[in-house]
Amino acid sequence: MSDLAKTLARLAAILGPPDGDAVALDGGIINRNFKVDFDGKPYVIRIPRTRSSSASTATPSGRRRARRRGRASGRRCGRCWRTLPYS
């Protein structure tokens, strides 16, 4: 089962079945991005690339921390998407 299929199955358990197929989004140097709707609401699924799928995965942790802080401040002012935890 692919990472996308596993992620969709986990999200379906939380949000219900998707409204359609996941659509791959362009870009995403660090992650593979897909758009999928659940209950009429759009979600973007971000799946980290593996070393075998991209040579550009070695991103300094400082950039990740900066993105995380930026998303947190964006959520506080209503300008950023909600992140569902994945474990």
C-alpha atoms as a PDB file:
ATOM      1  CA  MET A   1       0.000   0.000   0.000  1.00  0.00           C
ATOM      2  CA  SER A   2       1.432   3.403  -0.952  1.00  0.00           C
ATOM      3  CA  ASP A   3       2.032   6.225   1.529  1.00  0.00           C
ATOM      4  CA  LEU A   4      -0.833   8.164  -0.053  1.00  0.00           C
ATOM      5  CA  ALA A   5      -3.246   5.231   0.248  1.00  0.00           C
ATOM      6  CA  LYS A   6      -2.262   4.706   3.898  1.00  0.00           C
ATOM      7  CA  THR A   7      -2.728   8.401   4.649  1.00  0.00           C
ATOM      8  CA  LEU A   8      -6.109   8.518   2.896  1.00  0.00           C
ATOM      9  CA  ALA A   9      -7.255   5.470   4.873  1.00  0.00           C
ATOM     10  CA  ARG A  10      -6.235   7.097   8.168  1.00  0.00           C
ATOM     11  CA  LEU A  11      -7.933  10.363   7.262  1.00  0.00           C
ATOM     12  CA  ALA A  12     -11.092   8.546   6.145  1.00  0.00           C
ATOM     13  CA  ALA A  13     -11.311   7.023   9.624  1.00  0.00           C
ATOM     14  CA  ILE A  14     -11.334  10.561  11.076  1.00  0.00           C
ATOM     15  CA  LEU A  15     -13.121  12.634   8.412  1.00  0.00           C
ATOM     16  CA  GLY A  16     -15.214  10.074   6.552  1.00  0.00           C
ATOM     17  CA  PRO A  17     -14.658   8.896   2.989  1.00  0.00           C
ATOM     18  CA  PRO A  18     -13.080  11.324   0.503  1.00  0.00           C
ATOM     19  CA  ASP A  19     -15.368  13.011  -2.014  1.00  0.00           C
ATOM     20  CA  GLY A  20     -13.160  11.898  -4.903  1.00  0.00           C
ATOM     21  CA  ASP A  21      -9.634  10.996  -5.867  1.00  0.00           C
ATOM     22  CA  ALA A  22      -6.574  12.811  -4.561  1.00  0.00           C
ATOM     23  CA  VAL A  23      -5.109  15.199  -7.144  1.00  0.00           C
ATOM     24  CA  ALA A  24      -1.334  15.690  -7.260  1.00  0.00           C
ATOM     25  CA  LEU A  25      -0.256  19.329  -6.913  1.00  0.00           C
ATOM     26  CA  ASP A  26       2.766  20.767  -8.715  1.00  0.00           C
ATOM     27  CA  GLY A  27       5.808  21.938  -6.798  1.00  0.00           C
ATOM     28  CA  GLY A  28       6.789  20.536  -3.472  1.00  0.00           C
ATOM     29  CA  ILE A  29      10.546  20.204  -3.279  1.00  0.00           C
ATOM     30  CA  ILE A  30      10.483  18.606   0.161  1.00  0.00           C
ATOM     31  CA  ASN A  31       7.016  17.014   0.126  1.00  0.00           C
ATOM     32  CA  ARG A  32       4.667  15.438  -2.370  1.00  0.00           C
ATOM     33  CA  ASN A  33       1.412  17.405  -2.160  1.00  0.00           C
ATOM     34  CA  PHE A  34      -2.098  16.189  -2.964  1.00  0.00           C
ATOM     35  CA  LYS A  35      -5.480  17.923  -2.766  1.00  0.00           C
ATOM     36  CA  VAL A  36      -8.491  15.900  -1.680  1.00  0.00           C
ATOM     37  CA  ASP A  37     -11.951  16.886  -0.423  1.00  0.00           C
ATOM     38  CA  PHE A  38     -13.576  15.371   2.638  1.00  0.00           C
ATOM     39  CA  ASP A  39     -17.207  16.298   3.345  1.00  0.00           C
ATOM     40  CA  GLY A  40     -17.007  19.150   0.841  1.00  0.00           C
ATOM     41  CA  LYS A  41     -13.933  20.731   2.477  1.00  0.00           C
ATOM     42  CA  PRO A  42     -10.579  20.824   0.662  1.00  0.00           C
ATOM     43  CA  TYR A  43      -7.486  19.396   2.347  1.00  0.00           C
ATOM     44  CA  VAL A  44      -3.875  19.265   1.220  1.00  0.00           C
ATOM     45  CA  ILE A  45      -1.979  16.125   2.104  1.00  0.00           C
ATOM     46  CA  ARG A  46       1.777  16.570   2.378  1.00  0.00           C
ATOM     47  CA  ILE A  47       3.824  13.375   2.243  1.00  0.00           C
ATOM     48  CA  PRO A  48       7.597  13.666   2.805  1.00  0.00           C
ATOM     49  CA  ARG A  49       9.720  12.487  -0.054  1.00  0.00           C
ATOM     50  CA  THR A  50      12.102   9.637   0.564  1.00  0.00           C
ATOM     51  CA  ARG A  51      15.736   9.675  -0.478  1.00  0.00           C
ATOM     52  CA  SER A  52      14.904   7.330  -3.326  1.00  0.00           C
ATOM     53  CA  SER A  53      12.215   9.675  -4.692  1.00  0.00           C
ATOM     54  CA  SER A  54      14.224  12.898  -4.496  1.00  0.00           C
ATOM     55  CA  ALA A  55      17.819  13.885  -4.000  1.00  0.00           C
ATOM     56  CA  SER A  56      16.779  17.205  -2.457  1.00  0.00           C
ATOM     57  CA  THR A  57      15.344  15.881   0.805  1.00  0.00           C
ATOM     58  CA  ALA A  58      18.212  16.967   3.024  1.00  0.00           C
ATOM     59  CA  THR A  59      16.746  20.231   4.283  1.00  0.00           C
ATOM     60  CA  PRO A  60      18.322  21.883   7.313  1.00  0.00           C
ATOM     61  CA  SER A  61      16.143  21.504  10.386  1.00  0.00           C
ATOM     62  CA  GLY A  62      16.260  25.281  10.881  1.00  0.00           C
ATOM     63  CA  ARG A  63      14.156  25.782   7.747  1.00  0.00           C
ATOM     64  CA  ARG A  64      11.604  23.284   9.013  1.00  0.00           C
ATOM     65  CA  ARG A  65      11.442  25.064  12.381  1.00  0.00           C
ATOM     66  CA  ALA A  66      10.984  28.414  10.632  1.00  0.00           C
ATOM     67  CA  ARG A  67       8.134  27.027   8.517  1.00  0.00           C
ATOM     68  CA  ARG A  68       6.503  25.540  11.620  1.00  0.00           C
ATOM     69  CA  ARG A  69       6.698  28.899  13.443  1.00  0.00           C
ATOM     70  CA  GLY A  70       5.305  30.678  10.392  1.00  0.00           C
ATOM     71  CA  ARG A  71       2.362  28.296  10.141  1.00  0.00           C
ATOM     72  CA  ALA A  72       1.653  28.685  13.860  1.00  0.00           C
ATOM     73  CA  SER A  73       1.572  32.473  13.646  1.00  0.00           C
ATOM     74  CA  GLY A  74      -0.532  32.283  10.482  1.00  0.00           C
ATOM     75  CA  ARG A  75      -3.084  30.061  12.219  1.00  0.00           C
ATOM     76  CA  ARG A  76      -3.315  32.474  15.153  1.00  0.00           C
ATOM     77  CA  CYS A  77      -4.323  35.308  12.826  1.00  0.00           C
ATOM     78  CA  GLY A  78      -6.567  33.098  10.643  1.00  0.00           C
ATOM     79  CA  ARG A  79      -4.327  33.124   7.583  1.00  0.00           C
ATOM     80  CA  CYS A  80      -3.095  29.543   7.511  1.00  0.00           C
ATOM     81  CA  TRP A  81      -4.524  26.049   7.068  1.00  0.00           C
ATOM     82  CA  ARG A  82      -5.252  23.728   9.944  1.00  0.00           C
ATOM     83  CA  THR A  83      -2.729  20.934  10.291  1.00  0.00           C
ATOM     84  CA  LEU A  84      -3.948  17.476  11.229  1.00  0.00           C
ATOM     85  CA  PRO A  85      -1.318  15.526  13.174  1.00  0.00           C
ATOM     86  CA  TYR A  86       0.083  12.345  11.711  1.00  0.00           C
ATOM     87  CA  SER A  87       1.679   9.710  13.877  1.00  0.00           C
END
